[in-house]
C-alpha atoms as a PDB file:
ATOM      1  CA  MET A   1      -2.764  -5.023 -21.680  1.00  0.00           C
ATOM      2  CA  ARG A   2       0.468  -6.574 -22.858  1.00  0.00           C
ATOM      3  CA  ARG A   3      -0.144  -5.440 -26.420  1.00  0.00           C
ATOM      4  CA  LEU A   4       0.098  -1.869 -25.154  1.00  0.00           C
ATOM      5  CA  THR A   5       3.335  -2.363 -23.219  1.00  0.00           C
ATOM      6  CA  ALA A   6       5.219  -4.838 -25.410  1.00  0.00           C
ATOM      7  CA  GLY A   7       8.637  -3.533 -26.335  1.00  0.00           C
ATOM      8  CA  ILE A   8       8.882  -0.989 -23.538  1.00  0.00           C
ATOM      9  CA  ALA A   9      12.259  -1.343 -21.846  1.00  0.00           C
ATOM     10  CA  PRO A  10      13.218  -2.349 -19.232  1.00  0.00           C
ATOM     11  CA  SER A  11      10.900  -5.323 -18.786  1.00  0.00           C
ATOM     12  CA  THR A  12      10.070  -4.283 -15.217  1.00  0.00           C
ATOM     13  CA  LEU A  13       8.382  -1.167 -16.596  1.00  0.00           C
ATOM     14  CA  GLN A  14       6.218  -3.420 -18.748  1.00  0.00           C
ATOM     15  CA  GLU A  15       5.270  -5.451 -15.683  1.00  0.00           C
ATOM     16  CA  ILE A  16       4.376  -2.361 -13.651  1.00  0.00           C
ATOM     17  CA  LEU A  17       2.320  -0.878 -16.483  1.00  0.00           C
ATOM     18  CA  ASN A  18       0.518  -4.186 -16.981  1.00  0.00           C
ATOM     19  CA  ARG A  19      -0.421  -4.258 -13.280  1.00  0.00           C
ATOM     20  CA  CYS A  20      -1.747  -0.717 -13.568  1.00  0.00           C
ATOM     21  CA  LEU A  21      -3.739  -1.348 -16.747  1.00  0.00           C
ATOM     22  CA  SER A  22      -5.220  -4.530 -15.266  1.00  0.00           C
ATOM     23  CA  GLY A  23      -6.376  -2.553 -12.219  1.00  0.00           C
ATOM     24  CA  THR A  24      -4.067  -4.377  -9.796  1.00  0.00           C
ATOM     25  CA  VAL A  25      -2.368  -1.142  -8.683  1.00  0.00           C
ATOM     26  CA  SER A  26      -3.457   2.475  -8.955  1.00  0.00           C
ATOM     27  CA  PRO A  27      -1.854   4.883 -11.441  1.00  0.00           C
ATOM     28  CA  ALA A  28      -0.166   6.708  -8.538  1.00  0.00           C
ATOM     29  CA  VAL A  29       1.409   3.517  -7.181  1.00  0.00           C
ATOM     30  CA  ALA A  30       2.435   2.485 -10.708  1.00  0.00           C
ATOM     31  CA  LEU A  31       4.223   5.787 -11.276  1.00  0.00           C
ATOM     32  CA  MET A  32       5.939   5.490  -7.892  1.00  0.00           C
ATOM     33  CA  GLN A  33       7.100   1.962  -8.691  1.00  0.00           C
ATOM     34  CA  MET A  34       8.404   3.022 -12.107  1.00  0.00           C
ATOM     35  CA  LEU A  35      10.286   5.930 -10.556  1.00  0.00           C
ATOM     36  CA  ILE A  36      11.828   3.630  -7.949  1.00  0.00           C
ATOM     37  CA  ASP A  37      12.804   1.199 -10.698  1.00  0.00           C
ATOM     38  CA  THR A  38      14.376   3.755 -13.058  1.00  0.00           C
ATOM     39  CA  GLU A  39      15.140   6.844 -10.922  1.00  0.00           C
ATOM     40  CA  ASP A  40      14.452   8.660 -14.208  1.00  0.00           C
ATOM     41  CA  ALA A  41      11.295  10.749 -14.655  1.00  0.00           C
ATOM     42  CA  SER A  42      11.891  11.154 -18.399  1.00  0.00           C
ATOM     43  CA  ALA A  43      12.067   7.361 -18.880  1.00  0.00           C
ATOM     44  CA  VAL A  44       8.800   6.964 -16.988  1.00  0.00           C
ATOM     45  CA  ARG A  45       7.151   9.691 -19.064  1.00  0.00           C
ATOM     46  CA  ALA A  46       8.390   8.062 -22.285  1.00  0.00           C
ATOM     47  CA  ALA A  47       6.950   4.682 -21.264  1.00  0.00           C
ATOM     48  CA  VAL A  48       3.583   6.242 -20.408  1.00  0.00           C
ATOM     49  CA  ASP A  49       3.564   8.235 -23.657  1.00  0.00           C
ATOM     50  CA  GLU A  50       4.183   5.053 -25.629  1.00  0.00           C
ATOM     51  CA  VAL A  51       1.263   3.316 -23.943  1.00  0.00           C
ATOM     52  CA  THR A  52      -0.907   6.377 -24.532  1.00  0.00           C
ATOM     53  CA  GLY A  53      -0.080   6.370 -28.231  1.00  0.00           C
ATOM     54  CA  ARG A  54      -0.930   2.702 -28.605  1.00  0.00           C
ATOM     55  CA  ALA A  55      -4.143   3.078 -26.629  1.00  0.00           C
ATOM     56  CA  ALA A  56      -5.363   5.715 -29.076  1.00  0.00           C
ATOM     57  CA  THR A  57      -6.049   2.902 -31.556  1.00  0.00           C
ATOM     58  CA  LEU A  58      -8.381   1.088 -29.158  1.00  0.00           C
ATOM     59  CA  SER A  59     -12.133   1.296 -29.521  1.00  0.00           C
ATOM     60  CA  ARG A  60     -13.959   3.213 -26.812  1.00  0.00           C
ATOM     61  CA  ALA A  61     -16.868   0.818 -27.226  1.00  0.00           C
ATOM     62  CA  SER A  62     -14.962  -2.441 -26.737  1.00  0.00           C
ATOM     63  CA  ASP A  63     -12.011  -1.286 -24.596  1.00  0.00           C
ATOM     64  CA  SER A  64     -13.519   1.526 -22.537  1.00  0.00           C
ATOM     65  CA  ILE A  65     -12.147   0.337 -19.172  1.00  0.00           C
ATOM     66  CA  LEU A  66      -8.632  -0.023 -20.543  1.00  0.00           C
ATOM     67  CA  ARG A  67      -8.816   3.345 -22.300  1.00  0.00           C
ATOM     68  CA  ASP A  68     -10.019   4.971 -19.074  1.00  0.00           C
ATOM     69  CA  ARG A  69      -7.089   3.486 -17.135  1.00  0.00           C
ATOM     70  CA  VAL A  70      -4.628   4.738 -19.734  1.00  0.00           C
ATOM     71  CA  ASP A  71      -6.251   8.181 -19.631  1.00  0.00           C
ATOM     72  CA  ASP A  72      -6.002   8.277 -15.824  1.00  0.00           C
ATOM     73  CA  LEU A  73      -2.331   7.295 -15.939  1.00  0.00           C
ATOM     74  CA  THR A  74      -1.557   9.837 -18.656  1.00  0.00           C
ATOM     75  CA  GLN A  75      -3.343  12.647 -16.840  1.00  0.00           C
ATOM     76  CA  LEU A  76      -1.537  11.837 -13.609  1.00  0.00           C
ATOM     77  CA  VAL A  77       1.944  11.893 -15.145  1.00  0.00           C
ATOM     78  CA  VAL A  78       1.218  15.124 -17.042  1.00  0.00           C
ATOM     79  CA  GLU A  79      -0.229  16.928 -14.015  1.00  0.00           C
ATOM     80  CA  ASN A  80       2.574  15.769 -11.713  1.00  0.00           C
ATOM     81  CA  GLU A  81       5.617  16.005 -13.959  1.00  0.00           C
ATOM     82  CA  PRO A  82       7.532  18.329 -11.589  1.00  0.00           C
ATOM     83  CA  GLY A  83       6.717  16.022  -8.668  1.00  0.00           C
ATOM     84  CA  CYS A  84       7.938  12.977 -10.590  1.00  0.00           C
ATOM     85  CA  GLU A  85      11.178  14.774 -11.398  1.00  0.00           C
ATOM     86  CA  ARG A  86      11.624  15.723  -7.737  1.00  0.00           C
ATOM     87  CA  ILE A  87      11.056  12.157  -6.580  1.00  0.00           C
ATOM     88  CA  ALA A  88      13.563  10.863  -9.129  1.00  0.00           C
ATOM     89  CA  GLU A  89      16.092  13.329  -7.698  1.00  0.00           C
ATOM     90  CA  MET A  90      15.300  12.143  -4.161  1.00  0.00           C
ATOM     91  CA  LEU A  91      15.801   8.523  -5.192  1.00  0.00           C
ATOM     92  CA  GLN A  92      19.094   9.398  -6.860  1.00  0.00           C
ATOM     93  CA  GLY A  93      20.195  10.962  -3.576  1.00  0.00           C
ATOM     94  CA  THR A  94      20.918   7.408  -2.302  1.00  0.00           C
ATOM     95  CA  MET A  95      19.781   8.258   1.229  1.00  0.00           C
ATOM     96  CA  ASP A  96      17.421   5.273   1.406  1.00  0.00           C
ATOM     97  CA  SER A  97      18.619   1.685   1.520  1.00  0.00           C
ATOM     98  CA  PRO A  98      16.872  -1.706   1.400  1.00  0.00           C
ATOM     99  CA  GLU A  99      19.688  -3.295   3.408  1.00  0.00           C
ATOM    100  CA  PRO A 100      18.992  -4.292   7.022  1.00  0.00           C
ATOM    101  CA  ALA A 101      20.899  -2.391   9.677  1.00  0.00           C
ATOM    102  CA  ARG A 102      23.705  -4.172  11.496  1.00  0.00           C
ATOM    103  CA  THR A 103      22.409  -2.973  14.866  1.00  0.00           C
ATOM    104  CA  VAL A 104      19.249  -1.382  16.222  1.00  0.00           C
ATOM    105  CA  GLU A 105      21.200   1.802  16.994  1.00  0.00           C
ATOM    106  CA  GLU A 106      22.429   1.981  13.408  1.00  0.00           C
ATOM    107  CA  GLY A 107      18.909   1.419  12.081  1.00  0.00           C
ATOM    108  CA  ILE A 108      17.364   4.145  14.221  1.00  0.00           C
ATOM    109  CA  ALA A 109      20.110   6.622  13.320  1.00  0.00           C
ATOM    110  CA  PHE A 110      19.599   5.806   9.638  1.00  0.00           C
ATOM    111  CA  CYS A 111      15.846   6.447   9.866  1.00  0.00           C
ATOM    112  CA  GLU A 112      16.410   9.744  11.642  1.00  0.00           C
ATOM    113  CA  ARG A 113      18.833  10.925   8.932  1.00  0.00           C
ATOM    114  CA  LEU A 114      16.634   9.658   6.103  1.00  0.00           C
ATOM    115  CA  PHE A 115      13.463  11.372   7.236  1.00  0.00           C
ATOM    116  CA  ASP A 116      15.156  14.568   8.400  1.00  0.00           C
ATOM    117  CA  TRP A 117      16.534  14.790   4.850  1.00  0.00           C
ATOM    118  CA  SER A 118      13.488  13.635   2.885  1.00  0.00           C
ATOM    119  CA  VAL A 119      11.008  15.991   4.540  1.00  0.00           C
ATOM    120  CA  GLN A 120      13.187  18.894   3.408  1.00  0.00           C
ATOM    121  CA  GLN A 121      12.909  17.672  -0.190  1.00  0.00           C
ATOM    122  CA  SER A 122       9.113  17.277  -0.201  1.00  0.00           C
ATOM    123  CA  GLU A 123       6.822  17.011   2.803  1.00  0.00           C
ATOM    124  CA  GLU A 124       4.213  15.051   0.866  1.00  0.00           C
ATOM    125  CA  ALA A 125       6.629  12.655  -0.838  1.00  0.00           C
ATOM    126  CA  SER A 126       8.555  12.092   2.401  1.00  0.00           C
ATOM    127  CA  VAL A 127       5.575  10.262   3.913  1.00  0.00           C
ATOM    128  CA  ALA A 128       4.120   8.775   0.714  1.00  0.00           C
ATOM    129  CA  LEU A 129       6.122   8.569  -2.498  1.00  0.00           C
ATOM    130  CA  TYR A 130       2.941   7.597  -4.331  1.00  0.00           C
ATOM    131  CA  SER A 131       1.612  11.106  -3.634  1.00  0.00           C
ATOM    132  CA  LEU A 132       4.163  12.261  -6.226  1.00  0.00           C
ATOM    133  CA  GLY A 133       4.705  15.282  -3.991  1.00  0.00           C
ATOM    134  CA  SER A 134       1.126  16.467  -4.581  1.00  0.00           C
ATOM    135  CA  PRO A 135      -0.854  17.790  -1.588  1.00  0.00           C
ATOM    136  CA  GLN A 136      -4.066  16.841  -3.389  1.00  0.00           C
ATOM    137  CA  LEU A 137      -3.008  13.221  -3.957  1.00  0.00           C
ATOM    138  CA  LEU A 138      -1.786  12.914  -0.368  1.00  0.00           C
ATOM    139  CA  GLU A 139      -5.117  14.281   0.850  1.00  0.00           C
ATOM    140  CA  ARG A 140      -7.009  11.651  -1.159  1.00  0.00           C
ATOM    141  CA  ALA A 141      -4.807   8.849   0.136  1.00  0.00           C
ATOM    142  CA  THR A 142      -5.106  10.046   3.730  1.00  0.00           C
ATOM    143  CA  MET A 143      -8.887  10.223   3.511  1.00  0.00           C
ATOM    144  CA  GLU A 144      -8.961   6.622   2.258  1.00  0.00           C
ATOM    145  CA  ILE A 145      -7.080   5.551   5.388  1.00  0.00           C
ATOM    146  CA  MET A 146      -9.461   7.627   7.506  1.00  0.00           C
ATOM    147  CA  ALA A 147     -12.459   5.936   5.900  1.00  0.00           C
ATOM    148  CA  GLU A 148     -11.018   2.508   6.706  1.00  0.00           C
ATOM    149  CA  LEU A 149     -10.365   3.500  10.323  1.00  0.00           C
ATOM    150  CA  GLU A 150     -13.947   4.747  10.600  1.00  0.00           C
ATOM    151  CA  GLN A 151     -15.293   1.522   9.125  1.00  0.00           C
ATOM    152  CA  TRP A 152     -13.319  -0.413  11.733  1.00  0.00           C
ATOM    153  CA  GLY A 153     -14.761   1.724  14.523  1.00  0.00           C
ATOM    154  CA  ARG A 154     -11.443   3.372  15.402  1.00  0.00           C
ATOM    155  CA  VAL A 155     -12.660   6.970  15.039  1.00  0.00           C
ATOM    156  CA  SER A 156     -14.826   8.060  17.961  1.00  0.00           C
ATOM    157  CA  ASN A 157     -15.120  11.188  20.086  1.00  0.00           C
ATOM    158  CA  ASP A 158     -14.318   9.199  23.229  1.00  0.00           C
ATOM    159  CA  HIS A 159     -11.160   7.594  21.788  1.00  0.00           C
ATOM    160  CA  SER A 160      -7.511   8.403  22.383  1.00  0.00           C
ATOM    161  CA  VAL A 161      -5.326   7.563  19.376  1.00  0.00           C
ATOM    162  CA  LEU A 162      -1.561   7.168  18.958  1.00  0.00           C
ATOM    163  CA  ASP A 163       0.074   7.572  15.542  1.00  0.00           C
ATOM    164  CA  ILE A 164       3.422   5.730  15.635  1.00  0.00           C
ATOM    165  CA  GLY A 165       5.731   7.288  13.050  1.00  0.00           C
ATOM    166  CA  CYS A 166       3.354  10.189  12.473  1.00  0.00           C
ATOM    167  CA  GLY A 167       5.584  11.967   9.958  1.00  0.00           C
ATOM    168  CA  ILE A 168       4.215  15.366   8.960  1.00  0.00           C
ATOM    169  CA  GLY A 169       1.019  14.796  10.948  1.00  0.00           C
ATOM    170  CA  ARG A 170      -1.312  14.158   8.038  1.00  0.00           C
ATOM    171  CA  LEU A 171      -3.381  11.552   9.925  1.00  0.00           C
ATOM    172  CA  VAL A 172      -3.123  13.383  13.231  1.00  0.00           C
ATOM    173  CA  GLN A 173      -4.627  16.452  11.576  1.00  0.00           C
ATOM    174  CA  LYS A 174      -7.529  14.488  10.092  1.00  0.00           C
ATOM    175  CA  LEU A 175      -8.236  12.517  13.263  1.00  0.00           C
ATOM    176  CA  ALA A 176      -8.175  15.460  15.672  1.00  0.00           C
ATOM    177  CA  PRO A 177     -11.727  16.778  15.032  1.00  0.00           C
ATOM    178  CA  TYR A 178     -13.255  13.338  15.547  1.00  0.00           C
ATOM    179  CA  VAL A 179     -11.441  11.832  18.557  1.00  0.00           C
ATOM    180  CA  ARG A 180     -10.927  12.864  22.177  1.00  0.00           C
ATOM    181  CA  GLU A 181      -7.183  13.250  21.746  1.00  0.00           C
ATOM    182  CA  VAL A 182      -4.492  12.161  19.332  1.00  0.00           C
ATOM    183  CA  SER A 183      -0.762  11.844  19.931  1.00  0.00           C
ATOM    184  CA  GLY A 184       1.890  11.555  17.257  1.00  0.00           C
ATOM    185  CA  ILE A 185       5.478  10.416  17.729  1.00  0.00           C
ATOM    186  CA  ASP A 186       8.315  10.253  15.224  1.00  0.00           C
ATOM    187  CA  VAL A 187      12.072   9.705  15.340  1.00  0.00           C
ATOM    188  CA  SER A 188      12.659  12.639  12.969  1.00  0.00           C
ATOM    189  CA  LYS A 189      12.734  16.111  14.498  1.00  0.00           C
ATOM    190  CA  ARG A 190      12.151  17.730  11.126  1.00  0.00           C
ATOM    191  CA  MET A 191       9.080  15.557  10.597  1.00  0.00           C
ATOM    192  CA  ILE A 192       7.744  16.625  13.986  1.00  0.00           C
ATOM    193  CA  ASP A 193       8.494  20.258  13.134  1.00  0.00           C
ATOM    194  CA  ALA A 194       6.385  19.856   9.979  1.00  0.00           C
ATOM    195  CA  ALA A 195       3.614  18.187  11.986  1.00  0.00           C
ATOM    196  CA  VAL A 196       3.631  21.045  14.501  1.00  0.00           C
ATOM    197  CA  ARG A 197       3.221  23.544  11.668  1.00  0.00           C
ATOM    198  CA  ARG A 198       0.353  21.502  10.265  1.00  0.00           C
ATOM    199  CA  CYS A 199      -1.648  20.712  13.392  1.00  0.00           C
ATOM    200  CA  GLY A 200       0.331  21.496  16.543  1.00  0.00           C
ATOM    201  CA  SER A 201      -2.035  24.290  17.557  1.00  0.00           C
ATOM    202  CA  LEU A 202      -5.054  21.975  17.807  1.00  0.00           C
ATOM    203  CA  PRO A 203      -6.017  21.634  21.491  1.00  0.00           C
ATOM    204  CA  ASN A 204      -6.299  17.834  21.538  1.00  0.00           C
ATOM    205  CA  VAL A 205      -3.084  17.124  19.604  1.00  0.00           C
ATOM    206  CA  HIS A 206       0.200  16.097  21.257  1.00  0.00           C
ATOM    207  CA  LEU A 207       3.337  15.729  19.122  1.00  0.00           C
ATOM    208  CA  LEU A 208       6.629  14.273  20.347  1.00  0.00           C
ATOM    209  CA  LYS A 209      10.030  13.498  18.923  1.00  0.00           C
ATOM    210  CA  GLY A 210      10.803  10.021  20.187  1.00  0.00           C
ATOM    211  CA  THR A 211      14.061   8.149  20.571  1.00  0.00           C
ATOM    212  CA  GLY A 212      12.950   5.408  18.203  1.00  0.00           C
ATOM    213  CA  HIS A 213      13.749   2.734  20.788  1.00  0.00           C
ATOM    214  CA  ASP A 214      10.291   2.380  22.358  1.00  0.00           C
ATOM    215  CA  LEU A 215       7.186   4.285  23.475  1.00  0.00           C
ATOM    216  CA  HIS A 216       8.378   5.109  26.989  1.00  0.00           C
ATOM    217  CA  GLU A 217       6.947   8.625  26.626  1.00  0.00           C
ATOM    218  CA  PHE A 218       3.443   7.210  27.140  1.00  0.00           C
ATOM    219  CA  ALA A 219       1.858   5.632  30.197  1.00  0.00           C
ATOM    220  CA  GLY A 220       0.343   2.174  30.099  1.00  0.00           C
ATOM    221  CA  ALA A 221      -3.275   1.597  29.042  1.00  0.00           C
ATOM    222  CA  THR A 222      -3.551   5.113  27.590  1.00  0.00           C
ATOM    223  CA  PHE A 223      -4.842   4.612  24.049  1.00  0.00           C
ATOM    224  CA  ASP A 224      -7.851   3.023  22.392  1.00  0.00           C
ATOM    225  CA  THR A 225      -6.061   2.762  19.054  1.00  0.00           C
ATOM    226  CA  ALA A 226      -2.450   2.797  17.885  1.00  0.00           C
ATOM    227  CA  ILE A 227      -1.797   3.307  14.169  1.00  0.00           C
ATOM    228  CA  ALA A 228       1.411   2.595  12.258  1.00  0.00           C
ATOM    229  CA  VAL A 229       1.283   3.658   8.601  1.00  0.00           C
ATOM    230  CA  ASP A 230       4.409   2.606   6.690  1.00  0.00           C
ATOM    231  CA  THR A 231       6.338   2.548   9.974  1.00  0.00           C
ATOM    232  CA  PHE A 232       6.998  -1.135  10.587  1.00  0.00           C
ATOM    233  CA  PRO A 233       9.063  -1.648   7.410  1.00  0.00           C
ATOM    234  CA  TYR A 234      11.685   0.694   8.901  1.00  0.00           C
ATOM    235  CA  LEU A 235      11.463  -0.891  12.344  1.00  0.00           C
ATOM    236  CA  ARG A 236      11.956  -4.238  10.656  1.00  0.00           C
ATOM    237  CA  GLN A 237      15.032  -3.008   8.780  1.00  0.00           C
ATOM    238  CA  SER A 238      16.440  -2.019  12.163  1.00  0.00           C
ATOM    239  CA  GLY A 239      16.183  -5.584  13.432  1.00  0.00           C
ATOM    240  CA  ALA A 240      13.767  -8.164  14.814  1.00  0.00           C
ATOM    241  CA  ALA A 241      14.457  -6.994  18.371  1.00  0.00           C
ATOM    242  CA  LEU A 242      13.042  -3.540  17.624  1.00  0.00           C
ATOM    243  CA  VAL A 243       9.914  -5.009  16.036  1.00  0.00           C
ATOM    244  CA  GLU A 244       9.406  -7.158  19.144  1.00  0.00           C
ATOM    245  CA  THR A 245       9.850  -4.092  21.331  1.00  0.00           C
ATOM    246  CA  TYR A 246       7.226  -2.103  19.440  1.00  0.00           C
ATOM    247  CA  PHE A 247       4.686  -4.921  19.619  1.00  0.00           C
ATOM    248  CA  MET A 248       5.347  -5.194  23.350  1.00  0.00           C
ATOM    249  CA  GLU A 249       5.105  -1.421  23.755  1.00  0.00           C
ATOM    250  CA  ALA A 250       1.916  -1.203  21.701  1.00  0.00           C
ATOM    251  CA  ALA A 251       0.359  -3.819  23.976  1.00  0.00           C
ATOM    252  CA  ARG A 252       1.494  -1.808  27.004  1.00  0.00           C
ATOM    253  CA  VAL A 253       0.138   1.597  25.922  1.00  0.00           C
ATOM    254  CA  LEU A 254      -3.166   0.236  24.584  1.00  0.00           C
ATOM    255  CA  LYS A 255      -6.147  -0.242  26.842  1.00  0.00           C
ATOM    256  CA  PRO A 256      -7.517  -3.793  27.065  1.00  0.00           C
ATOM    257  CA  GLY A 257      -9.593  -4.221  23.917  1.00  0.00           C
ATOM    258  CA  GLY A 258      -7.647  -1.458  22.199  1.00  0.00           C
ATOM    259  CA  GLU A 259      -6.425  -2.025  18.666  1.00  0.00           C
ATOM    260  CA  LEU A 260      -3.155  -1.808  16.759  1.00  0.00           C
ATOM    261  CA  VAL A 261      -3.696  -0.986  13.079  1.00  0.00           C
ATOM    262  CA  ILE A 262      -0.753  -1.538  10.742  1.00  0.00           C
ATOM    263  CA  PHE A 263      -0.555  -0.453   7.123  1.00  0.00           C
ATOM    264  CA  ASN A 264       2.517  -2.173   5.638  1.00  0.00           C
ATOM    265  CA  TYR A 265       4.533  -4.460   7.859  1.00  0.00           C
ATOM    266  CA  SER A 266       7.501  -4.910   5.514  1.00  0.00           C
ATOM    267  CA  TYR A 267       8.727  -4.229   1.998  1.00  0.00           C
ATOM    268  CA  LEU A 268       9.388  -7.911   1.310  1.00  0.00           C
ATOM    269  CA  GLY A 269       6.586  -8.163  -1.222  1.00  0.00           C
ATOM    270  CA  ASP A 270       5.506 -11.480   0.312  1.00  0.00           C
ATOM    271  CA  ASP A 271       2.021 -11.162   1.790  1.00  0.00           C
ATOM    272  CA  GLU A 272       2.015 -14.670   3.255  1.00  0.00           C
ATOM    273  CA  ALA A 273       5.332 -14.151   5.013  1.00  0.00           C
ATOM    274  CA  ASP A 274       4.146 -10.825   6.434  1.00  0.00           C
ATOM    275  CA  ALA A 275       0.911 -12.408   7.641  1.00  0.00           C
ATOM    276  CA  ALA A 276       2.816 -15.228   9.337  1.00  0.00           C
ATOM    277  CA  GLU A 277       5.235 -12.854  11.095  1.00  0.00           C
ATOM    278  CA  VAL A 278       2.459 -10.565  12.290  1.00  0.00           C
ATOM    279  CA  ALA A 279       0.412 -13.531  13.526  1.00  0.00           C
ATOM    280  CA  ALA A 280       3.371 -14.828  15.542  1.00  0.00           C
ATOM    281  CA  LEU A 281       4.089 -11.403  17.024  1.00  0.00           C
ATOM    282  CA  ALA A 282       0.420 -10.907  17.853  1.00  0.00           C
ATOM    283  CA  ARG A 283       0.262 -14.259  19.621  1.00  0.00           C
ATOM    284  CA  ASP A 284       3.424 -13.574  21.617  1.00  0.00           C
ATOM    285  CA  HIS A 285       2.349 -10.102  22.734  1.00  0.00           C
ATOM    286  CA  GLY A 286      -1.295 -10.581  23.624  1.00  0.00           C
ATOM    287  CA  PHE A 287      -3.139  -9.587  20.456  1.00  0.00           C
ATOM    288  CA  ASP A 288      -5.912 -11.274  18.519  1.00  0.00           C
ATOM    289  CA  VAL A 289      -5.719 -10.866  14.742  1.00  0.00           C
ATOM    290  CA  LEU A 290      -8.981  -9.406  13.425  1.00  0.00           C
ATOM    291  CA  VAL A 291      -7.816  -8.510   9.904  1.00  0.00           C
ATOM    292  CA  SER A 292      -4.740  -9.939   8.202  1.00  0.00           C
ATOM    293  CA  ALA A 293      -2.907  -8.977   5.029  1.00  0.00           C
ATOM    294  CA  ILE A 294      -5.656  -7.249   3.058  1.00  0.00           C
ATOM    295  CA  ARG A 295      -5.356  -4.346   0.626  1.00  0.00           C
ATOM    296  CA  PRO A 296      -8.471  -2.272   1.336  1.00  0.00           C
ATOM    297  CA  LEU A 297      -7.409   1.010  -0.271  1.00  0.00           C
ATOM    298  CA  ALA A 298      -7.907   2.067  -3.883  1.00  0.00           C
ATOM    299  CA  MET A 299      -5.083   4.569  -4.237  1.00  0.00           C
ATOM    300  CA  TRP A 300      -2.359   2.908  -2.163  1.00  0.00           C
ATOM    301  CA  ASP A 301      -1.519  -0.800  -2.049  1.00  0.00           C
ATOM    302  CA  GLY A 302      -0.568  -0.837   1.640  1.00  0.00           C
ATOM    303  CA  LEU A 303      -1.084  -4.234   3.300  1.00  0.00           C
ATOM    304  CA  ALA A 304      -3.370  -3.844   6.314  1.00  0.00           C
ATOM    305  CA  PHE A 305      -3.514  -5.637   9.664  1.00  0.00           C
ATOM    306  CA  ARG A 306      -5.907  -5.046  12.539  1.00  0.00           C
ATOM    307  CA  LEU A 307      -5.008  -6.480  15.940  1.00  0.00           C
ATOM    308  CA  ARG A 308      -6.937  -6.290  19.210  1.00  0.00           C
ATOM    309  CA  ARG A 309      -5.254  -6.366  22.595  1.00  0.00           C
ATOM    310  CA  ARG A 310      -6.580  -9.210  24.695  1.00  0.00           C
ATOM    311  CA  PRO A 311      -7.758  -8.352  28.207  1.00  0.00           C
ATOM    312  CA  PRO A 312      -5.378  -9.619  30.885  1.00  0.00           C
ATOM    313  CA  ALA A 313      -6.114 -13.107  32.097  1.00  0.00           C
ATOM    314  CA  VAL A 314      -8.151 -13.238  35.289  1.00  0.00           C
ATOM    315  CA  SER A 315      -6.392 -15.284  37.947  1.00  0.00           C
ATOM    316  CA  SER A 316      -8.542 -17.839  39.713  1.00  0.00           C
END
């Protein structure tokens, strides 16, 4: 792979392309990472074009897998050029920040501003940059998450499901036909407005704009499953106290034996550290860890955790 990317500047682009060509990350995630790194769609396109040109010299017989990966990457960047340009513009807007908030209040207010703004730029990209703003790519990614939830037994017509940080309602919409009821909550009013347009008319869907502080809108022992897709990284940026609160609240609103499913706990890039933090939080708030720090999806590299709420102890 390195012979295809050698000389491409900056070196981080080489590293991202190498991960893509080795099959470590999908083409969509690779393009997202390159856009985050450069904030320049033309630079990303130039790097991909250079790899494409070099790959043309490879033999289909001996390097078919590598050629196929290059072809997939090339096709994706060509088909989604306007989306890549839009995402680069969003990243240049400097609304997002990797810095932790000084207070929980500041962190929640930041998230509300960020997502109110980003959903106006692109509904699809606001919930998944790796969708490149494409409804088709977001659909594929969402169905992968759905398939994992089904495999884990979290999709059933007698289940009530809560989507924490539901965004534009993409999972709520997909879950609704297959569960008893599904509720979505988000700190962003504009996200909830988009979710209402998408699936608010479905009879078993309930959508709420929350305060961001907790899940007080829901009664205890209400849900069989709570899902948080790319939500905890923002809770974590708002402070450890808010993360603790959401674990405590998830335990409260879940029925005994109910499950909390997390895709992405942080943006640290340290799987072991994430696994250790989640394990400690699970222990402190009455969860057993069933699945820890795996990457089960093909299109998105979200780190997955599956936690089950322990039944309350029976007093003797």
